[in-house]
Amino acid sequence: MLLKNANRIEALLFVYFLALWVEQLIQREVRRWTEREGLASIPLYPVG
């Protein structure tokens, strides 16, 4: 099993924390960009 000792569990939780932190930073930058550009939302799919 991959998570047999406490060090591996701790490392996995740290990696998960880093992933959530990076996601939050990206979301913050996107929110700031949309406010700066005056956009109500970001188009996720191409139109037309």
C-alpha atoms as a PDB file:
ATOM      1  CA  MET A   1       0.000   0.000   0.000  1.00  0.00           C
ATOM      2  CA  LEU A   2       1.230   3.470  -0.859  1.00  0.00           C
ATOM      3  CA  LEU A   3       0.182   5.181   2.390  1.00  0.00           C
ATOM      4  CA  LYS A   4       1.467   2.807   5.032  1.00  0.00           C
ATOM      5  CA  ASN A   5       3.483   5.267   7.069  1.00  0.00           C
ATOM      6  CA  ALA A   6       2.747   8.715   8.457  1.00  0.00           C
ATOM      7  CA  ASN A   7       5.395  10.487   6.367  1.00  0.00           C
ATOM      8  CA  ARG A   8       3.741   9.468   3.111  1.00  0.00           C
ATOM      9  CA  ILE A   9       0.311  10.511   4.359  1.00  0.00           C
ATOM     10  CA  GLU A  10       1.726  13.860   5.442  1.00  0.00           C
ATOM     11  CA  ALA A  11       3.416  14.339   2.067  1.00  0.00           C
ATOM     12  CA  LEU A  12       0.197  13.519   0.206  1.00  0.00           C
ATOM     13  CA  LEU A  13      -1.762  16.028   2.296  1.00  0.00           C
ATOM     14  CA  PHE A  14       0.914  18.658   1.672  1.00  0.00           C
ATOM     15  CA  VAL A  15       0.714  18.115  -2.081  1.00  0.00           C
ATOM     16  CA  TYR A  16      -3.086  18.361  -1.866  1.00  0.00           C
ATOM     17  CA  PHE A  17      -2.732  21.619   0.094  1.00  0.00           C
ATOM     18  CA  LEU A  18      -0.378  23.022  -2.550  1.00  0.00           C
ATOM     19  CA  ALA A  19      -2.814  22.103  -5.326  1.00  0.00           C
ATOM     20  CA  LEU A  20      -5.673  23.890  -3.551  1.00  0.00           C
ATOM     21  CA  TRP A  21      -3.459  26.910  -2.921  1.00  0.00           C
ATOM     22  CA  VAL A  22      -2.440  27.188  -6.582  1.00  0.00           C
ATOM     23  CA  GLU A  23      -6.089  26.838  -7.630  1.00  0.00           C
ATOM     24  CA  GLN A  24      -7.066  29.672  -5.287  1.00  0.00           C
ATOM     25  CA  LEU A  25      -4.294  31.920  -6.637  1.00  0.00           C
ATOM     26  CA  ILE A  26      -5.414  31.288 -10.222  1.00  0.00           C
ATOM     27  CA  GLN A  27      -9.033  32.051  -9.322  1.00  0.00           C
ATOM     28  CA  ARG A  28      -8.002  35.286  -7.635  1.00  0.00           C
ATOM     29  CA  GLU A  29      -6.042  36.413 -10.685  1.00  0.00           C
ATOM     30  CA  VAL A  30      -8.945  35.561 -13.004  1.00  0.00           C
ATOM     31  CA  ARG A  31     -11.368  37.533 -10.798  1.00  0.00           C
ATOM     32  CA  ARG A  32      -9.043  40.528 -10.811  1.00  0.00           C
ATOM     33  CA  TRP A  33      -8.633  40.288 -14.582  1.00  0.00           C
ATOM     34  CA  THR A  34     -12.399  40.129 -15.190  1.00  0.00           C
ATOM     35  CA  GLU A  35     -12.954  43.158 -12.946  1.00  0.00           C
ATOM     36  CA  ARG A  36     -10.181  45.091 -14.687  1.00  0.00           C
ATOM     37  CA  GLU A  37     -11.564  44.226 -18.139  1.00  0.00           C
ATOM     38  CA  GLY A  38     -15.155  44.926 -17.080  1.00  0.00           C
ATOM     39  CA  LEU A  39     -16.407  41.448 -17.946  1.00  0.00           C
ATOM     40  CA  ALA A  40     -19.438  39.929 -16.239  1.00  0.00           C
ATOM     41  CA  SER A  41     -18.278  36.393 -16.984  1.00  0.00           C
ATOM     42  CA  ILE A  42     -15.721  34.458 -18.975  1.00  0.00           C
ATOM     43  CA  PRO A  43     -16.993  32.575 -22.019  1.00  0.00           C
ATOM     44  CA  LEU A  44     -16.001  28.936 -21.535  1.00  0.00           C
ATOM     45  CA  TYR A  45     -17.099  27.679 -24.947  1.00  0.00           C
ATOM     46  CA  PRO A  46     -16.447  29.240 -28.342  1.00  0.00           C
ATOM     47  CA  VAL A  47     -19.436  31.022 -29.831  1.00  0.00           C
ATOM     48  CA  GLY A  48     -20.381  30.416 -33.431  1.00  0.00           C
END
